[in-house]
Amino acid sequence: MEPRLSRRSAALAAGARMLLLCALFILGRPGSTADHDRYRTQLRQPRVATSELEQDVLRQRLGMAPLHGTSDQDFDALENA
């Protein structure tokens, strides 16, 4: 015979579980959106630099003048990614 929990015990267990889930949800949320925006900007910069570099390489192969010009900063941005 299996021991059965009373309704009160089951309700208390369900309430404790909900309280724990709410606490984990609140504590797991990011503190600041500024950090997230800064991170996304850091990810975007190398992607833009790579795209511009690829466009300039293609233009060079076609005998066209580069639009963006590759500078040491462009390569540094790619290196630091």
N, C-alpha and C. Protein backbone atom coordinates (compact mmCIF):
# COMPACT_ATOMS: atom_id res chain seq x y z
N MET A 1 0.83 -1.18 0.00
CA MET A 1 0.00 0.00 0.00
C MET A 1 0.88 1.25 0.00
N GLU A 2 0.60 2.15 -0.91
CA GLU A 2 1.40 3.37 -1.01
C GLU A 2 0.84 4.44 -0.10
N PRO A 3 1.74 5.18 0.56
CA PRO A 3 1.24 6.29 1.38
C PRO A 3 0.74 7.41 0.47
N ARG A 4 -0.39 7.99 0.84
CA ARG A 4 -0.97 9.06 0.04
C ARG A 4 -0.83 10.37 0.79
N LEU A 5 -0.60 11.43 0.05
CA LEU A 5 -0.52 12.75 0.64
C LEU A 5 -1.91 13.33 0.81
N SER A 6 -2.07 14.07 1.85
CA SER A 6 -3.36 14.73 2.05
C SER A 6 -3.48 15.89 1.06
N ARG A 7 -4.67 16.38 0.92
CA ARG A 7 -4.88 17.51 0.00
C ARG A 7 -4.08 18.73 0.46
N ARG A 8 -4.02 18.91 1.75
CA ARG A 8 -3.29 20.05 2.29
C ARG A 8 -1.80 19.94 1.95
N SER A 9 -1.22 18.78 2.10
CA SER A 9 0.19 18.57 1.79
C SER A 9 0.45 18.75 0.30
N ALA A 10 -0.44 18.26 -0.52
CA ALA A 10 -0.29 18.42 -1.97
C ALA A 10 -0.38 19.90 -2.35
N ALA A 11 -1.30 20.63 -1.74
CA ALA A 11 -1.44 22.06 -2.02
C ALA A 11 -0.19 22.83 -1.57
N LEU A 12 0.33 22.48 -0.41
CA LEU A 12 1.56 23.14 0.08
C LEU A 12 2.74 22.84 -0.84
N ALA A 13 2.84 21.61 -1.31
CA ALA A 13 3.93 21.25 -2.22
C ALA A 13 3.80 22.01 -3.54
N ALA A 14 2.58 22.11 -4.07
CA ALA A 14 2.37 22.85 -5.32
C ALA A 14 2.67 24.34 -5.12
N GLY A 15 2.26 24.90 -3.98
CA GLY A 15 2.54 26.31 -3.69
C GLY A 15 4.03 26.57 -3.57
N ALA A 16 4.73 25.66 -2.89
CA ALA A 16 6.18 25.82 -2.75
C ALA A 16 6.86 25.74 -4.11
N ARG A 17 6.39 24.85 -4.96
CA ARG A 17 6.96 24.71 -6.30
C ARG A 17 6.73 26.00 -7.11
N MET A 18 5.53 26.57 -7.02
CA MET A 18 5.25 27.81 -7.74
C MET A 18 6.11 28.95 -7.22
N LEU A 19 6.27 29.02 -5.91
CA LEU A 19 7.10 30.06 -5.30
C LEU A 19 8.55 29.93 -5.77
N LEU A 20 9.05 28.72 -5.83
CA LEU A 20 10.41 28.48 -6.30
C LEU A 20 10.55 28.89 -7.76
N LEU A 21 9.59 28.53 -8.60
CA LEU A 21 9.65 28.91 -10.01
C LEU A 21 9.61 30.42 -10.19
N CYS A 22 8.78 31.10 -9.42
CA CYS A 22 8.72 32.57 -9.50
C CYS A 22 10.05 33.19 -9.08
N ALA A 23 10.64 32.68 -8.00
CA ALA A 23 11.92 33.20 -7.54
C ALA A 23 13.01 32.98 -8.58
N LEU A 24 13.03 31.80 -9.19
CA LEU A 24 14.03 31.54 -10.24
C LEU A 24 13.82 32.44 -11.44
N PHE A 25 12.58 32.71 -11.79
CA PHE A 25 12.30 33.59 -12.91
C PHE A 25 12.78 35.01 -12.64
N ILE A 26 12.50 35.50 -11.45
CA ILE A 26 12.90 36.88 -11.10
C ILE A 26 14.42 36.99 -11.00
N LEU A 27 15.07 36.03 -10.38
CA LEU A 27 16.52 36.09 -10.21
C LEU A 27 17.26 35.83 -11.51
N GLY A 28 16.65 35.11 -12.44
CA GLY A 28 17.31 34.77 -13.69
C GLY A 28 17.22 35.84 -14.75
N ARG A 29 16.48 36.89 -14.49
CA ARG A 29 16.34 37.96 -15.49
C ARG A 29 17.59 38.83 -15.52
N PRO A 30 17.95 39.34 -16.70
CA PRO A 30 19.13 40.20 -16.78
C PRO A 30 18.91 41.50 -16.02
N GLY A 31 19.99 42.00 -15.45
CA GLY A 31 19.88 43.20 -14.64
C GLY A 31 19.76 44.46 -15.46
N SER A 32 20.44 44.54 -16.58
CA SER A 32 20.49 45.78 -17.33
C SER A 32 20.41 45.49 -18.82
N THR A 33 19.62 46.27 -19.51
CA THR A 33 19.56 46.11 -20.96
C THR A 33 20.74 46.80 -21.63
N ALA A 34 21.40 47.72 -20.93
CA ALA A 34 22.55 48.42 -21.50
C ALA A 34 23.69 47.42 -21.78
N ASP A 35 23.89 46.47 -20.88
CA ASP A 35 24.92 45.45 -21.10
C ASP A 35 24.60 44.61 -22.32
N HIS A 36 23.33 44.28 -22.47
CA HIS A 36 22.91 43.48 -23.63
C HIS A 36 23.10 44.27 -24.92
N ASP A 37 22.74 45.54 -24.92
CA ASP A 37 22.91 46.38 -26.11
C ASP A 37 24.38 46.54 -26.47
N ARG A 38 25.22 46.71 -25.47
CA ARG A 38 26.66 46.84 -25.70
C ARG A 38 27.22 45.56 -26.31
N TYR A 39 26.77 44.42 -25.82
CA TYR A 39 27.22 43.13 -26.35
C TYR A 39 26.79 42.96 -27.80
N ARG A 40 25.55 43.33 -28.11
CA ARG A 40 25.06 43.22 -29.49
C ARG A 40 25.83 44.16 -30.42
N THR A 41 26.19 45.34 -29.93
CA THR A 41 26.97 46.28 -30.74
C THR A 41 28.36 45.71 -31.01
N GLN A 42 28.94 45.09 -30.00
CA GLN A 42 30.26 44.47 -30.19
C GLN A 42 30.20 43.33 -31.19
N LEU A 43 29.11 42.62 -31.25
CA LEU A 43 28.96 41.55 -32.24
C LEU A 43 28.73 42.11 -33.64
N ARG A 44 28.04 43.23 -33.73
CA ARG A 44 27.71 43.81 -35.03
C ARG A 44 28.93 44.43 -35.70
N GLN A 45 29.81 45.05 -34.94
CA GLN A 45 30.96 45.75 -35.52
C GLN A 45 31.86 44.84 -36.36
N PRO A 46 32.26 43.69 -35.89
CA PRO A 46 33.09 42.82 -36.74
C PRO A 46 32.33 42.31 -37.97
N ARG A 47 31.02 42.09 -37.81
CA ARG A 47 30.22 41.62 -38.93
C ARG A 47 30.16 42.68 -40.03
N VAL A 48 30.01 43.94 -39.65
CA VAL A 48 29.99 45.04 -40.62
C VAL A 48 31.37 45.19 -41.26
N ALA A 49 32.42 45.13 -40.44
CA ALA A 49 33.78 45.26 -40.98
C ALA A 49 34.09 44.13 -41.96
N THR A 50 33.66 42.92 -41.65
CA THR A 50 33.88 41.78 -42.55
C THR A 50 33.14 41.99 -43.86
N SER A 51 31.91 42.45 -43.77
CA SER A 51 31.10 42.68 -44.97
C SER A 51 31.74 43.74 -45.87
N GLU A 52 32.19 44.83 -45.26
CA GLU A 52 32.82 45.90 -46.05
C GLU A 52 34.12 45.40 -46.68
N LEU A 53 34.89 44.62 -45.95
CA LEU A 53 36.14 44.08 -46.48
C LEU A 53 35.86 43.15 -47.66
N GLU A 54 34.84 42.29 -47.52
CA GLU A 54 34.49 41.38 -48.62
C GLU A 54 34.02 42.15 -49.86
N GLN A 55 33.26 43.21 -49.66
CA GLN A 55 32.82 44.02 -50.79
C GLN A 55 34.00 44.67 -51.50
N ASP A 56 34.95 45.17 -50.71
CA ASP A 56 36.12 45.80 -51.31
C ASP A 56 36.98 44.79 -52.07
N VAL A 57 37.10 43.57 -51.54
CA VAL A 57 37.86 42.54 -52.24
C VAL A 57 37.19 42.21 -53.57
N LEU A 58 35.88 42.06 -53.56
CA LEU A 58 35.16 41.77 -54.81
C LEU A 58 35.29 42.92 -55.80
N ARG A 59 35.19 44.15 -55.32
CA ARG A 59 35.33 45.30 -56.21
C ARG A 59 36.74 45.35 -56.79
N GLN A 60 37.74 45.02 -55.99
CA GLN A 60 39.12 45.01 -56.45
C GLN A 60 39.30 43.96 -57.55
N ARG A 61 38.71 42.79 -57.36
CA ARG A 61 38.82 41.73 -58.37
C ARG A 61 38.15 42.11 -59.68
N LEU A 62 37.11 42.93 -59.59
CA LEU A 62 36.41 43.38 -60.80
C LEU A 62 37.06 44.63 -61.40
N GLY A 63 38.12 45.12 -60.77
CA GLY A 63 38.82 46.29 -61.28
C GLY A 63 38.15 47.60 -60.91
N MET A 64 37.30 47.57 -59.92
CA MET A 64 36.60 48.78 -59.47
C MET A 64 37.31 49.34 -58.24
N ALA A 65 37.09 50.61 -58.01
CA ALA A 65 37.69 51.25 -56.83
C ALA A 65 36.96 50.78 -55.57
N PRO A 66 37.71 50.56 -54.51
CA PRO A 66 37.05 50.15 -53.25
C PRO A 66 36.19 51.28 -52.69
N LEU A 67 35.07 50.92 -52.11
CA LEU A 67 34.17 51.92 -51.52
C LEU A 67 34.57 52.32 -50.11
N HIS A 68 34.98 51.35 -49.35
CA HIS A 68 35.21 51.61 -47.93
C HIS A 68 36.67 51.85 -47.61
N GLY A 69 37.54 51.29 -48.39
CA GLY A 69 38.96 51.41 -48.09
C GLY A 69 39.29 50.56 -46.88
N THR A 70 40.28 49.76 -47.01
CA THR A 70 40.67 48.92 -45.88
C THR A 70 41.78 49.61 -45.13
N SER A 71 41.55 49.78 -43.87
CA SER A 71 42.55 50.43 -43.02
C SER A 71 42.97 49.45 -41.93
N ASP A 72 43.95 49.87 -41.17
CA ASP A 72 44.40 49.03 -40.06
C ASP A 72 43.29 48.84 -39.04
N GLN A 73 42.41 49.82 -38.90
CA GLN A 73 41.30 49.70 -37.95
C GLN A 73 40.35 48.59 -38.36
N ASP A 74 40.14 48.43 -39.67
CA ASP A 74 39.26 47.36 -40.14
C ASP A 74 39.82 46.00 -39.76
N PHE A 75 41.11 45.83 -39.97
CA PHE A 75 41.72 44.56 -39.62
C PHE A 75 41.77 44.35 -38.11
N ASP A 76 41.98 45.42 -37.37
CA ASP A 76 41.97 45.32 -35.90
C ASP A 76 40.60 44.91 -35.40
N ALA A 77 39.54 45.45 -36.02
CA ALA A 77 38.19 45.10 -35.61
C ALA A 77 37.92 43.62 -35.86
N LEU A 78 38.45 43.09 -36.94
CA LEU A 78 38.26 41.68 -37.24
C LEU A 78 39.08 40.80 -36.30
N GLU A 79 40.27 41.28 -35.96
CA GLU A 79 41.16 40.52 -35.10
C GLU A 79 40.61 40.42 -33.68
N ASN A 80 39.99 41.49 -33.21
CA ASN A 80 39.51 41.56 -31.83
C ASN A 80 38.15 40.88 -31.66
N ALA A 81 37.59 40.39 -32.72
CA ALA A 81 36.26 39.76 -32.62
C ALA A 81 36.33 38.41 -31.95
